[in-house]
Amino acid sequence: MFEKISSWRMKFFLWVGLPVIAVLGVAFAAPDVAPAWRAKSGAGTPGTFTAVREECGKRSCTWHGDFVPTDGGAARRDVILFDDPAGLTTGGTAAARDTGAGKGVFATTGGNTWLLVTGFTVGGALAAVAWVVLIVRTVLGRRRPDEDEAAIDRLARKPVQG
């Protein structure tokens, strides 16, 4: 497979793209896998999220606000609400769970953040493994010409049986 890689785009992807994907997937998504799965299963500290501001990009919007636990524990300020419910407005509230995610809390209505975070983490891990395999095969491939020549010489000395 690796012998057939000839285009510069493929080489660029393999040598630059794979490590970038690996770092992004493992470094940024992996820390939130366990909190996302805890939220999916309904675990965590229940409380109320109050929307303070909304940030919108090209494809989606993210609510930032304050989370206050139902049991009266320490509030978390300026956190993201993952899986936010439709119709949330500034000053509005939503039931949420704090499961230990570094930047936010999860709405109790559920959503697909757990799937997205898991997918990015698995993709990053697979990219890391593929990159290591590529490096190992490249290093070993550079050592093989001498071994291949010796094998060809040995085969050339044997008579062909027909």
C-alpha atoms as a PDB file:
ATOM      1  CA  MET A   1       0.000   0.000   0.000  1.00  0.00           C
ATOM      2  CA  PHE A   2       2.689   2.484   1.005  1.00  0.00           C
ATOM      3  CA  GLU A   3       4.731   1.705  -2.127  1.00  0.00           C
ATOM      4  CA  LYS A   4       1.903   3.069  -4.268  1.00  0.00           C
ATOM      5  CA  ILE A   5       1.908   6.493  -2.662  1.00  0.00           C
ATOM      6  CA  SER A   6       3.172   8.769  -5.367  1.00  0.00           C
ATOM      7  CA  SER A   7       1.234  12.000  -5.419  1.00  0.00           C
ATOM      8  CA  TRP A   8       2.509  14.887  -3.353  1.00  0.00           C
ATOM      9  CA  ARG A   9      -0.957  15.467  -1.900  1.00  0.00           C
ATOM     10  CA  MET A  10      -1.087  11.993  -0.451  1.00  0.00           C
ATOM     11  CA  LYS A  11       2.427  12.328   0.923  1.00  0.00           C
ATOM     12  CA  PHE A  12       1.524  15.687   2.469  1.00  0.00           C
ATOM     13  CA  PHE A  13      -1.583  14.187   4.050  1.00  0.00           C
ATOM     14  CA  LEU A  14       0.305  11.206   5.438  1.00  0.00           C
ATOM     15  CA  TRP A  15       3.290  13.139   6.807  1.00  0.00           C
ATOM     16  CA  VAL A  16       1.528  16.329   7.946  1.00  0.00           C
ATOM     17  CA  GLY A  17      -2.198  15.603   8.043  1.00  0.00           C
ATOM     18  CA  LEU A  18      -2.099  12.393  10.084  1.00  0.00           C
ATOM     19  CA  PRO A  19      -0.072  13.879  12.959  1.00  0.00           C
ATOM     20  CA  VAL A  20      -2.308  16.973  13.023  1.00  0.00           C
ATOM     21  CA  ILE A  21      -5.445  14.822  13.130  1.00  0.00           C
ATOM     22  CA  ALA A  22      -3.856  12.665  15.833  1.00  0.00           C
ATOM     23  CA  VAL A  23      -2.960  15.644  18.016  1.00  0.00           C
ATOM     24  CA  LEU A  24      -6.336  17.328  17.578  1.00  0.00           C
ATOM     25  CA  GLY A  25      -8.297  14.151  18.253  1.00  0.00           C
ATOM     26  CA  VAL A  26      -6.298  12.924  21.190  1.00  0.00           C
ATOM     27  CA  ALA A  27      -5.349  16.212  22.867  1.00  0.00           C
ATOM     28  CA  PHE A  28      -8.597  18.121  22.483  1.00  0.00           C
ATOM     29  CA  ALA A  29     -11.352  15.507  22.366  1.00  0.00           C
ATOM     30  CA  ALA A  30     -10.045  12.713  24.598  1.00  0.00           C
ATOM     31  CA  PRO A  31     -10.315  14.645  27.898  1.00  0.00           C
ATOM     32  CA  ASP A  32     -14.073  15.062  27.345  1.00  0.00           C
ATOM     33  CA  VAL A  33     -14.909  11.465  26.396  1.00  0.00           C
ATOM     34  CA  ALA A  34     -15.599  10.265  29.951  1.00  0.00           C
ATOM     35  CA  PRO A  35     -17.641  13.369  30.942  1.00  0.00           C
ATOM     36  CA  ALA A  36     -19.707  13.090  27.738  1.00  0.00           C
ATOM     37  CA  TRP A  37     -20.472   9.431  28.388  1.00  0.00           C
ATOM     38  CA  ARG A  38     -21.355  10.196  32.027  1.00  0.00           C
ATOM     39  CA  ALA A  39     -23.791  12.842  30.789  1.00  0.00           C
ATOM     40  CA  LYS A  40     -25.281  10.375  28.295  1.00  0.00           C
ATOM     41  CA  SER A  41     -25.928   7.932  31.124  1.00  0.00           C
ATOM     42  CA  GLY A  42     -27.481  10.604  33.371  1.00  0.00           C
ATOM     43  CA  ALA A  43     -24.619  10.776  35.877  1.00  0.00           C
ATOM     44  CA  GLY A  44     -23.103  13.937  37.287  1.00  0.00           C
ATOM     45  CA  THR A  45     -24.202  16.820  39.478  1.00  0.00           C
ATOM     46  CA  PRO A  46     -27.646  18.149  38.507  1.00  0.00           C
ATOM     47  CA  GLY A  47     -28.220  21.874  38.422  1.00  0.00           C
ATOM     48  CA  THR A  48     -29.384  24.853  36.414  1.00  0.00           C
ATOM     49  CA  PHE A  49     -27.595  26.581  33.567  1.00  0.00           C
ATOM     50  CA  THR A  50     -28.395  30.270  33.028  1.00  0.00           C
ATOM     51  CA  ALA A  51     -27.594  31.556  29.526  1.00  0.00           C
ATOM     52  CA  VAL A  52     -25.488  34.734  29.554  1.00  0.00           C
ATOM     53  CA  ARG A  53     -24.250  35.062  25.977  1.00  0.00           C
ATOM     54  CA  GLU A  54     -24.371  33.218  22.689  1.00  0.00           C
ATOM     55  CA  GLU A  55     -21.410  32.867  20.308  1.00  0.00           C
ATOM     56  CA  CYS A  56     -22.175  31.898  16.733  1.00  0.00           C
ATOM     57  CA  GLY A  57     -19.827  30.637  14.048  1.00  0.00           C
ATOM     58  CA  LYS A  58     -20.499  29.661  10.456  1.00  0.00           C
ATOM     59  CA  ARG A  59     -22.394  26.481  11.288  1.00  0.00           C
ATOM     60  CA  SER A  60     -23.486  26.562  14.899  1.00  0.00           C
ATOM     61  CA  CYS A  61     -23.984  28.628  18.012  1.00  0.00           C
ATOM     62  CA  THR A  62     -22.731  27.971  21.535  1.00  0.00           C
ATOM     63  CA  TRP A  63     -24.271  29.218  24.759  1.00  0.00           C
ATOM     64  CA  HIS A  64     -22.022  30.452  27.581  1.00  0.00           C
ATOM     65  CA  GLY A  65     -23.361  31.034  31.053  1.00  0.00           C
ATOM     66  CA  ASP A  66     -23.370  30.053  34.693  1.00  0.00           C
ATOM     67  CA  PHE A  67     -24.097  26.669  36.244  1.00  0.00           C
ATOM     68  CA  VAL A  68     -25.486  26.406  39.769  1.00  0.00           C
ATOM     69  CA  PRO A  69     -25.789  22.899  41.295  1.00  0.00           C
ATOM     70  CA  THR A  70     -29.157  21.917  42.732  1.00  0.00           C
ATOM     71  CA  ASP A  71     -27.544  20.781  45.996  1.00  0.00           C
ATOM     72  CA  GLY A  72     -26.068  24.242  46.602  1.00  0.00           C
ATOM     73  CA  GLY A  73     -22.442  23.427  45.760  1.00  0.00           C
ATOM     74  CA  ALA A  74     -19.980  25.807  44.136  1.00  0.00           C
ATOM     75  CA  ALA A  75     -21.254  27.529  41.007  1.00  0.00           C
ATOM     76  CA  ARG A  76     -19.292  27.407  37.755  1.00  0.00           C
ATOM     77  CA  ARG A  77     -19.093  30.684  35.845  1.00  0.00           C
ATOM     78  CA  ASP A  78     -18.694  31.176  32.090  1.00  0.00           C
ATOM     79  CA  VAL A  79     -19.154  27.550  31.051  1.00  0.00           C
ATOM     80  CA  ILE A  80     -20.450  26.153  27.764  1.00  0.00           C
ATOM     81  CA  LEU A  81     -23.769  24.332  27.607  1.00  0.00           C
ATOM     82  CA  PHE A  82     -23.326  21.215  25.480  1.00  0.00           C
ATOM     83  CA  ASP A  83     -26.425  19.783  23.789  1.00  0.00           C
ATOM     84  CA  ASP A  84     -28.338  22.999  24.440  1.00  0.00           C
ATOM     85  CA  PRO A  85     -32.107  22.830  24.066  1.00  0.00           C
ATOM     86  CA  ALA A  86     -33.819  24.646  21.205  1.00  0.00           C
ATOM     87  CA  GLY A  87     -35.340  27.984  22.083  1.00  0.00           C
ATOM     88  CA  LEU A  88     -32.828  28.984  24.775  1.00  0.00           C
ATOM     89  CA  THR A  89     -32.464  32.765  25.039  1.00  0.00           C
ATOM     90  CA  THR A  90     -30.259  35.165  26.988  1.00  0.00           C
ATOM     91  CA  GLY A  91     -31.299  34.968  30.634  1.00  0.00           C
ATOM     92  CA  GLY A  92     -33.102  31.688  30.027  1.00  0.00           C
ATOM     93  CA  THR A  93     -32.401  28.580  32.064  1.00  0.00           C
ATOM     94  CA  ALA A  94     -31.977  24.913  31.260  1.00  0.00           C
ATOM     95  CA  ALA A  95     -31.611  21.829  33.420  1.00  0.00           C
ATOM     96  CA  ALA A  96     -28.019  20.591  33.148  1.00  0.00           C
ATOM     97  CA  ARG A  97     -25.472  18.150  34.592  1.00  0.00           C
ATOM     98  CA  ASP A  98     -21.885  18.821  35.556  1.00  0.00           C
ATOM     99  CA  THR A  99     -19.944  15.665  34.736  1.00  0.00           C
ATOM    100  CA  GLY A 100     -16.441  17.089  34.975  1.00  0.00           C
ATOM    101  CA  ALA A 101     -15.947  18.407  31.437  1.00  0.00           C
ATOM    102  CA  GLY A 102     -13.285  21.089  31.529  1.00  0.00           C
ATOM    103  CA  LYS A 103     -15.177  23.778  29.654  1.00  0.00           C
ATOM    104  CA  GLY A 104     -18.828  23.071  30.216  1.00  0.00           C
ATOM    105  CA  VAL A 105     -21.898  21.232  31.404  1.00  0.00           C
ATOM    106  CA  PHE A 106     -24.412  19.058  29.553  1.00  0.00           C
ATOM    107  CA  ALA A 107     -28.108  19.762  29.107  1.00  0.00           C
ATOM    108  CA  THR A 108     -30.282  17.013  30.583  1.00  0.00           C
ATOM    109  CA  THR A 109     -32.335  16.909  27.379  1.00  0.00           C
ATOM    110  CA  GLY A 110     -29.496  14.922  25.852  1.00  0.00           C
ATOM    111  CA  GLY A 111     -27.840  15.182  22.495  1.00  0.00           C
ATOM    112  CA  ASN A 112     -25.059  13.762  20.392  1.00  0.00           C
ATOM    113  CA  THR A 113     -21.971  15.384  21.950  1.00  0.00           C
ATOM    114  CA  TRP A 114     -20.933  11.998  23.362  1.00  0.00           C
ATOM    115  CA  LEU A 115     -20.884  10.559  19.838  1.00  0.00           C
ATOM    116  CA  LEU A 116     -18.997  13.497  18.353  1.00  0.00           C
ATOM    117  CA  VAL A 117     -16.329  13.519  21.085  1.00  0.00           C
ATOM    118  CA  THR A 118     -15.908   9.742  20.902  1.00  0.00           C
ATOM    119  CA  GLY A 119     -15.614   9.872  17.115  1.00  0.00           C
ATOM    120  CA  PHE A 120     -12.943  12.563  17.204  1.00  0.00           C
ATOM    121  CA  THR A 121     -10.986  10.667  19.844  1.00  0.00           C
ATOM    122  CA  VAL A 122     -11.135   7.366  17.946  1.00  0.00           C
ATOM    123  CA  GLY A 123     -10.213   9.160  14.714  1.00  0.00           C
ATOM    124  CA  GLY A 124      -7.245  10.796  16.420  1.00  0.00           C
ATOM    125  CA  ALA A 125      -6.097   7.502  17.890  1.00  0.00           C
ATOM    126  CA  LEU A 126      -6.374   5.747  14.517  1.00  0.00           C
ATOM    127  CA  ALA A 127      -4.451   8.583  12.844  1.00  0.00           C
ATOM    128  CA  ALA A 128      -1.715   8.262  15.481  1.00  0.00           C
ATOM    129  CA  VAL A 129      -1.444   4.494  14.929  1.00  0.00           C
ATOM    130  CA  ALA A 130      -1.401   4.937  11.139  1.00  0.00           C
ATOM    131  CA  TRP A 131       1.329   7.557  11.407  1.00  0.00           C
ATOM    132  CA  VAL A 132       3.487   5.318  13.601  1.00  0.00           C
ATOM    133  CA  VAL A 133       2.987   2.425  11.148  1.00  0.00           C
ATOM    134  CA  LEU A 134       3.956   4.746   8.277  1.00  0.00           C
ATOM    135  CA  ILE A 135       7.140   5.797  10.067  1.00  0.00           C
ATOM    136  CA  VAL A 136       8.099   2.219  10.943  1.00  0.00           C
ATOM    137  CA  ARG A 137       7.445   0.966   7.406  1.00  0.00           C
ATOM    138  CA  THR A 138       9.391   3.863   5.925  1.00  0.00           C
ATOM    139  CA  VAL A 139      12.376   3.228   8.183  1.00  0.00           C
ATOM    140  CA  LEU A 140      12.289  -0.520   7.538  1.00  0.00           C
ATOM    141  CA  GLY A 141      11.791   0.069   3.814  1.00  0.00           C
ATOM    142  CA  ARG A 142      15.017   2.019   3.642  1.00  0.00           C
ATOM    143  CA  ARG A 143      16.928  -0.922   5.105  1.00  0.00           C
ATOM    144  CA  ARG A 144      15.513  -3.568   2.756  1.00  0.00           C
ATOM    145  CA  PRO A 145      17.337  -2.996  -0.554  1.00  0.00           C
ATOM    146  CA  ASP A 146      20.445  -4.826   0.702  1.00  0.00           C
ATOM    147  CA  GLU A 147      18.338  -7.691   2.012  1.00  0.00           C
ATOM    148  CA  ASP A 148      16.384  -7.816  -1.253  1.00  0.00           C
ATOM    149  CA  GLU A 149      19.560  -7.918  -3.332  1.00  0.00           C
ATOM    150  CA  ALA A 150      20.921 -10.777  -1.245  1.00  0.00           C
ATOM    151  CA  ALA A 151      17.669 -12.714  -1.673  1.00  0.00           C
ATOM    152  CA  ILE A 152      17.696 -12.123  -5.432  1.00  0.00           C
ATOM    153  CA  ASP A 153      21.297 -13.325  -5.627  1.00  0.00           C
ATOM    154  CA  ARG A 154      20.424 -16.492  -3.701  1.00  0.00           C
ATOM    155  CA  LEU A 155      17.451 -17.180  -5.973  1.00  0.00           C
ATOM    156  CA  ALA A 156      19.487 -16.486  -9.101  1.00  0.00           C
ATOM    157  CA  ARG A 157      22.007 -19.210  -8.155  1.00  0.00           C
ATOM    158  CA  LYS A 158      19.344 -21.905  -7.779  1.00  0.00           C
ATOM    159  CA  PRO A 159      18.350 -23.767 -10.922  1.00  0.00           C
ATOM    160  CA  VAL A 160      14.769 -23.293 -12.061  1.00  0.00           C
ATOM    161  CA  GLN A 161      12.803 -26.486 -11.792  1.00  0.00           C
ATOM    162  CA  GLY A 162      10.189 -26.967 -14.414  1.00  0.00           C
END
